[in-house]
Protein backbone atom coordinates (compact mmCIF):
# COMPACT_ATOMS: atom_id res chain seq x y z
CA UNK A 1 0.08 -0.11 -0.04
CA UNK A 2 1.08 3.30 -0.94
CA UNK A 3 1.60 5.96 1.77
CA UNK A 4 -1.18 8.52 2.50
CA UNK A 5 -0.74 11.46 0.18
CA UNK A 6 -1.80 14.83 1.45
CA UNK A 7 -3.53 15.90 -1.75
CA UNK A 8 -4.56 14.00 -4.78
CA UNK A 9 -5.69 15.92 -7.94
CA UNK A 10 -7.81 13.97 -10.41
CA UNK A 11 -7.24 15.53 -13.88
CA UNK A 12 -4.46 17.36 -15.61
CA UNK A 13 -5.96 19.94 -17.52
CA UNK A 14 -5.48 23.66 -16.78
CA UNK A 15 -7.55 23.36 -13.58
CA UNK A 16 -5.77 20.37 -12.22
CA UNK A 17 -2.29 21.57 -13.13
CA UNK A 18 -2.73 24.99 -11.77
CA UNK A 19 -4.11 23.42 -8.60
CA UNK A 20 -0.79 21.36 -8.66
CA UNK A 21 1.35 24.36 -9.07
CA UNK A 22 -0.21 26.23 -6.21
CA UNK A 23 -0.31 23.02 -3.87
CA UNK A 24 3.21 21.98 -4.66
CA UNK A 25 4.40 25.62 -3.79
CA UNK A 26 2.62 25.18 -0.58
CA UNK A 27 4.67 22.04 0.18
CA UNK A 28 1.75 19.71 -0.09
CA UNK A 29 3.59 17.47 -2.73
CA UNK A 30 0.53 16.82 -4.55
CA UNK A 31 -0.19 13.63 -6.73
CA UNK A 32 -1.80 14.30 -9.96
CA UNK A 33 -3.40 11.48 -11.60
CA UNK A 34 -3.65 12.86 -15.20
CA UNK A 35 -5.49 9.98 -17.11
CA UNK A 36 -4.07 8.06 -20.14
CA UNK A 37 -4.47 11.15 -22.28
CA UNK A 38 -3.10 13.90 -19.86
CA UNK A 39 -3.41 17.70 -20.64
CA UNK A 40 -7.23 18.14 -21.17
CA UNK A 41 -8.96 19.51 -24.09
CA UNK A 42 -6.05 22.03 -25.14
CA UNK A 43 -4.25 18.92 -26.45
CA UNK A 44 -6.65 19.04 -29.28
CA UNK A 45 -5.90 22.68 -29.91
CA UNK A 46 -3.21 24.07 -32.30
CA UNK A 47 -2.90 27.83 -31.70
CA UNK A 48 -3.95 29.33 -28.26
CA UNK A 49 -4.10 33.09 -28.64
CA UNK A 50 -6.22 34.18 -25.49
CA UNK A 51 -4.08 32.75 -22.59
CA UNK A 52 -2.31 35.71 -20.80
CA UNK A 53 1.31 36.14 -21.10
CA UNK A 54 1.73 34.66 -24.64
CA UNK A 55 1.92 37.77 -26.78
CA UNK A 56 2.22 35.80 -29.93
CA UNK A 57 0.22 32.84 -28.97
CA UNK A 58 1.20 29.24 -28.03
CA UNK A 59 0.30 25.84 -29.20
CA UNK A 60 -2.25 24.00 -26.88
CA UNK A 61 0.04 20.94 -26.25
CA UNK A 62 2.99 23.26 -25.58
CA UNK A 63 1.11 25.18 -23.11
CA UNK A 64 -0.03 21.97 -21.19
CA UNK A 65 3.66 20.75 -21.39
CA UNK A 66 4.68 23.97 -19.73
CA UNK A 67 2.08 23.67 -17.00
CA UNK A 68 3.22 20.00 -16.17
CA UNK A 69 6.98 20.96 -16.24
CA UNK A 70 6.14 23.85 -13.79
CA UNK A 71 4.16 21.71 -11.41
CA UNK A 72 6.96 19.11 -11.28
CA UNK A 73 9.41 21.64 -10.63
CA UNK A 74 7.83 22.59 -7.45
CA UNK A 75 7.43 18.89 -6.27
CA UNK A 76 4.28 17.59 -8.01
CA UNK A 77 4.13 13.75 -9.08
CA UNK A 78 2.05 13.07 -12.07
CA UNK A 79 1.07 9.65 -13.35
CA UNK A 80 -0.59 8.83 -16.57
CA UNK A 81 -3.37 6.44 -15.45
CA UNK A 82 -7.17 6.67 -15.48
CA UNK A 83 -9.09 6.68 -12.07
CA UNK A 84 -11.59 3.82 -12.10
CA UNK A 85 -13.29 4.29 -8.78
CA UNK A 86 -13.05 6.69 -5.63
CA UNK A 87 -14.24 6.18 -2.03
CA UNK A 88 -15.07 9.37 -0.05
CA UNK A 89 -16.98 7.68 2.64
CA UNK A 90 -14.15 7.90 5.04
CA UNK A 91 -10.84 9.45 5.53
CA UNK A 92 -8.35 8.88 4.15
CA UNK A 93 -10.06 8.90 0.95
CA UNK A 94 -9.32 6.12 -1.53
CA UNK A 95 -8.56 6.70 -5.17
CA UNK A 96 -8.22 3.62 -7.46
CA UNK A 97 -6.51 3.80 -10.85
CA UNK A 98 -6.28 1.02 -13.29
CA UNK A 99 -3.07 -0.38 -11.49
CA UNK A 100 -3.01 1.11 -8.00
CA UNK A 101 -4.91 2.28 -4.95
CA UNK A 102 -3.92 5.56 -3.32
CA UNK A 103 -4.96 7.25 -0.02
CA UNK A 104 -5.30 10.89 0.45
CA UNK A 105 -6.19 13.36 3.15
CA UNK A 106 -7.74 15.62 0.60
CA UNK A 107 -8.88 15.36 -3.16
CA UNK A 108 -9.38 17.88 -5.85
CA UNK A 109 -11.66 16.64 -8.66
CA UNK A 110 -10.64 18.44 -11.98
CA UNK A 111 -11.68 15.85 -14.44
CA UNK A 112 -13.20 18.58 -16.93
CA UNK A 113 -15.64 17.84 -19.70
CA UNK A 114 -15.33 16.54 -23.24
CA UNK A 115 -16.88 18.18 -26.14
CA UNK A 116 -19.31 15.99 -28.11
CA UNK A 117 -18.20 15.14 -31.72
CA UNK A 118 -19.94 13.91 -34.86
CA UNK A 119 -17.78 10.68 -34.76
CA UNK A 120 -16.29 11.17 -38.37
CA UNK A 121 -12.85 10.15 -39.40
CA UNK A 122 -12.11 13.29 -41.25
CA UNK A 123 -13.46 15.39 -38.32
CA UNK A 124 -10.91 13.85 -36.08
CA UNK A 125 -8.07 14.22 -38.60
CA UNK A 126 -8.68 17.98 -39.29
CA UNK A 127 -9.28 19.01 -35.67
CA UNK A 128 -7.40 22.05 -34.99
CA UNK A 129 -7.03 22.28 -38.85
CA UNK A 130 -10.43 23.91 -39.50
CA UNK A 131 -12.34 21.83 -37.09
CA UNK A 132 -13.11 22.99 -33.69
CA UNK A 133 -15.71 22.84 -30.69
CA UNK A 134 -14.96 26.41 -29.29
CA UNK A 135 -15.85 29.49 -31.09
CA UNK A 136 -14.44 31.95 -28.34
CA UNK A 137 -11.16 29.91 -28.55
CA UNK A 138 -10.56 29.75 -32.19
CA UNK A 139 -12.99 32.18 -34.07
CA UNK A 140 -10.53 34.84 -34.64
CA UNK A 141 -8.50 32.51 -37.01
CA UNK A 142 -11.55 32.63 -39.32
CA UNK A 143 -11.45 36.19 -40.23
CA UNK A 144 -13.12 36.83 -43.72
CA UNK A 145 -13.64 32.98 -44.02
CA UNK A 146 -16.67 30.72 -44.82
CA UNK A 147 -17.71 28.80 -41.64
CA UNK A 148 -20.36 26.27 -40.68
CA UNK A 149 -21.83 25.44 -37.16
CA UNK A 150 -23.46 22.08 -36.32
CA UNK A 151 -26.27 22.09 -33.79
CA UNK A 152 -29.76 23.55 -33.03
CA UNK A 153 -29.52 24.60 -29.28
CA UNK A 154 -28.62 27.77 -27.53
CA UNK A 155 -24.75 26.99 -27.46
CA UNK A 156 -25.05 26.56 -31.38
CA UNK A 157 -26.80 29.93 -31.93
CA UNK A 158 -24.47 31.50 -29.50
CA UNK A 159 -21.37 30.11 -31.30
CA UNK A 160 -22.90 31.18 -34.69
CA UNK A 161 -23.62 34.76 -33.46
CA UNK A 162 -20.09 35.04 -32.05
CA UNK A 163 -18.47 33.76 -35.39
CA UNK A 164 -20.26 36.57 -37.40
CA UNK A 165 -17.68 38.89 -35.84
CA UNK A 166 -14.99 37.31 -37.82
CA UNK A 167 -16.37 35.21 -40.59
CA UNK A 168 -17.73 36.21 -44.10
CA UNK A 169 -20.68 33.85 -43.54
CA UNK A 170 -21.82 31.43 -40.85
CA UNK A 171 -24.13 28.32 -42.00
CA UNK A 172 -25.84 26.66 -39.24
CA UNK A 173 -26.44 22.97 -40.05
CA UNK A 174 -29.21 21.15 -38.05
CA UNK A 175 -30.79 17.76 -38.51
CA UNK A 176 -34.33 19.02 -37.92
CA UNK A 177 -36.40 21.83 -39.54
CA UNK A 178 -36.81 23.66 -36.09
CA UNK A 179 -34.29 24.74 -33.66
CA UNK A 180 -34.32 23.74 -30.05
CA UNK A 181 -32.68 26.97 -29.07
CA UNK A 182 -34.65 29.43 -26.80
CA UNK A 183 -36.86 31.84 -28.65
CA UNK A 184 -34.62 34.92 -27.98
CA UNK A 185 -31.52 32.89 -29.28
CA UNK A 186 -33.40 31.82 -32.39
CA UNK A 187 -34.80 35.17 -33.21
CA UNK A 188 -31.16 36.75 -32.80
CA UNK A 189 -29.63 34.19 -35.06
CA UNK A 190 -32.26 34.54 -37.66
CA UNK A 191 -32.13 38.33 -37.63
CA UNK A 192 -28.35 38.30 -38.49
CA UNK A 193 -27.55 38.68 -42.01
CA UNK A 194 -24.37 36.78 -41.93
CA UNK A 195 -26.14 33.64 -40.53
CA UNK A 196 -28.06 31.24 -42.95
CA UNK A 197 -29.43 27.61 -42.17
CA UNK A 198 -29.33 24.30 -43.79
CA UNK A 199 -32.32 22.02 -42.45
CA UNK A 200 -32.79 18.50 -42.10
CA UNK A 201 -29.18 17.95 -42.75
CA UNK A 202 -26.17 16.39 -41.16
CA UNK A 203 -22.43 16.47 -41.90
CA UNK A 204 -21.05 13.17 -43.43
CA UNK A 205 -17.41 14.22 -44.35
CA UNK A 206 -15.05 16.99 -43.81
CA UNK A 207 -13.09 17.63 -46.92
CA UNK A 208 -9.35 18.71 -47.08
CA UNK A 209 -6.02 17.13 -46.44
CA UNK A 210 -3.87 19.45 -44.19
CA UNK A 211 -6.80 21.93 -43.70
CA UNK A 212 -10.52 21.98 -44.11
CA UNK A 213 -11.64 22.91 -47.65
CA UNK A 214 -15.22 22.03 -47.48
CA UNK A 215 -17.85 19.64 -46.42
CA UNK A 216 -20.27 16.75 -47.67
CA UNK A 217 -23.72 17.36 -46.31
CA UNK A 218 -26.64 14.68 -46.35
CA UNK A 219 -30.14 15.79 -46.31
CA UNK A 220 -31.71 13.18 -43.79
CA UNK A 221 -35.19 13.28 -45.56
CA UNK A 222 -33.90 12.69 -49.30
CA UNK A 223 -30.54 11.19 -48.68
CA UNK A 224 -29.06 13.66 -51.22
CA UNK A 225 -25.48 14.44 -50.62
CA UNK A 226 -24.18 17.79 -51.70
CA UNK A 227 -20.76 19.46 -51.38
CA UNK A 228 -20.08 22.86 -50.01
CA UNK A 229 -16.77 24.87 -49.87
CA UNK A 230 -15.54 26.40 -46.56
CA UNK A 231 -12.81 26.95 -43.93
CA UNK A 232 -14.21 26.07 -40.76
CA UNK A 233 -16.62 23.83 -38.90
CA UNK A 234 -17.58 24.50 -35.46
CA UNK A 235 -19.45 21.55 -33.63
CA UNK A 236 -21.78 22.77 -31.03
CA UNK A 237 -23.87 19.69 -29.94
CA UNK A 238 -22.66 20.20 -26.37
CA UNK A 239 -20.31 18.71 -23.63
CA UNK A 240 -20.24 15.77 -21.46
CA UNK A 241 -18.63 16.35 -18.18
CA UNK A 242 -16.25 13.59 -17.10
CA UNK A 243 -17.89 12.66 -13.92
CA UNK A 244 -19.27 9.10 -14.34
CA UNK A 245 -17.09 7.58 -11.49
CA UNK A 246 -18.57 10.10 -8.95
CA UNK A 247 -22.10 9.18 -9.66
CA UNK A 248 -23.95 8.60 -6.28
CA UNK A 249 -20.89 10.04 -4.56
CA UNK A 250 -20.89 13.80 -5.45
CA UNK A 251 -23.97 15.77 -6.16
CA UNK A 252 -24.39 16.36 -9.86
CA UNK A 253 -27.30 17.57 -12.09
CA UNK A 254 -29.47 15.05 -13.35
CA UNK A 255 -29.51 15.99 -17.08
CA UNK A 256 -25.99 15.99 -17.97
CA UNK A 257 -23.68 15.31 -15.01
CA UNK A 258 -21.97 18.46 -14.20
CA UNK A 259 -21.03 18.47 -10.68
CA UNK A 260 -22.84 20.88 -8.42
CA UNK A 261 -21.58 23.32 -5.82
CA UNK A 262 -22.56 26.58 -4.19
CA UNK A 263 -19.16 28.25 -5.07
CA UNK A 264 -17.72 25.91 -7.88
CA UNK A 265 -15.07 24.61 -5.47
CA UNK A 266 -16.31 23.20 -2.15
CA UNK A 267 -18.30 19.99 -1.87
CA UNK A 268 -20.51 18.83 1.08
CA UNK A 269 -17.71 16.06 1.91
CA UNK A 270 -14.88 17.85 3.98
CA UNK A 271 -11.51 17.77 2.05
CA UNK A 272 -13.02 17.13 -1.31
CA UNK A 273 -12.92 19.86 -3.71
CA UNK A 274 -13.90 20.36 -7.48
CA UNK A 275 -12.29 22.90 -10.15
CA UNK A 276 -12.79 23.75 -13.61
CA UNK A 277 -15.08 22.51 -16.48
CA UNK A 278 -16.30 19.50 -14.35
CA UNK A 279 -18.55 22.30 -12.81
CA UNK A 280 -18.21 25.38 -15.27
CA UNK A 281 -20.60 24.70 -18.22
CA UNK A 282 -21.01 28.26 -18.92
CA UNK A 283 -17.36 29.62 -19.77
CA UNK A 284 -15.47 26.56 -20.42
CA UNK A 285 -12.06 28.49 -21.06
CA UNK A 286 -8.63 27.53 -20.05
CA UNK A 287 -8.09 30.68 -18.10
CA UNK A 288 -11.42 30.12 -16.05
CA UNK A 289 -10.44 26.57 -15.33
CA UNK A 290 -6.92 27.54 -14.28
CA UNK A 291 -8.75 30.21 -11.87
CA UNK A 292 -10.92 27.48 -10.37
CA UNK A 293 -7.82 25.33 -9.93
CA UNK A 294 -5.98 28.04 -8.14
CA UNK A 295 -8.97 28.60 -5.74
CA UNK A 296 -9.37 24.79 -5.16
CA UNK A 297 -5.70 24.43 -4.26
CA UNK A 298 -5.97 27.30 -1.81
CA UNK A 299 -9.08 25.75 -0.07
CA UNK A 300 -7.28 22.41 0.11
CA UNK A 301 -4.27 24.06 1.73
CA UNK A 302 -6.59 25.72 4.26
CA UNK A 303 -8.48 22.50 5.03
CA UNK A 304 -5.04 20.59 5.50
CA UNK A 305 -3.81 23.23 7.79
CA UNK A 306 -6.81 23.20 9.85
CA UNK A 307 -6.50 19.59 10.28
CA UNK A 308 -3.01 19.92 11.71
C-alpha cells in the first residue's frame, strides 16, 4: 500500500495543473492522476491566442507541457493512469487507478468535460485544422472565412452569432427543420444577415488534406449529398462532463452530469474539492479553469492546515 498523500488531484487540464502548481508551492507534494491522455482539451488545440502572457500565442500541447513541467518543478508527481473508482465515505479517501490504490487526506476533482463530436474520421483528422468545438477559442482564426456550425440549441446559436464578428458567412447545419434553442436566441440568429441555415441535414464528411476545404452534407429526408466549400466547422452539440465515476458520491445535475457546488469549489464532503469544466458549463475557458484550480488548491491548503 502506498503512503497516504496529503493531496490527490484527479485531472491534468488547466484546472488540475494550476491546482498542482499552487499546492506544490505550498509544500503539499500533490499527486496528479492525469489520465491516459493527459493535458485536457487543449491537447486537441493548435494555436492558443487568448491565454495571458503569450503575446504571439502558443500551441495548446506546448502550453500544457509547460504547466506540467512547472508543477513538477515545485514537487508535483504526475502519473498517467485513469481513475476507475473513488471512496469518499471515510478518511483517508481512496482513489483507485487501473493498477494502484492511493489514499489521500484531501482530493481535488478536476476531470473536466469532453466536447461531443460527430464521430467522423475526417473530423478527427482535421481537428485544429479547420474543425473546432469552441468559437471563443478559435473564432479569430476565421477572419473573412466561410464557416459552418452544427447544432440547434442555445450554444450553437451563441457560437454562430459570435463567429459573425470574424467570418464572411456562418451557416448553421441542423438535423431537424426547427431549432431547440430558446426563442430569444433563435430570433437573434435568424435576424443576423451573416447567418443562414441548412435544415434536415447532417455532415457526413469534412473535406481537405492538411486543412479543411469544405463539407459533404446529407439531407436526412431525401438522402441527397451535396458538397459545400468552406474553411471552418464548429461542432456545437454540447459537452459531456467526465463525472461517471462520481455518480452517487458527489452531487451532480440529473440531465448532463455536471458536478454541483454553491461556489464551484467546495463540496459537502470535507476535504473534497472540485475545479474547472467539471462544474463550469458556462465559460469553459482555459483561463477560468485555471482560476478555479487556483482557488481549489488554496481551499485544500486551508483545509489541511486546519486538520493539523
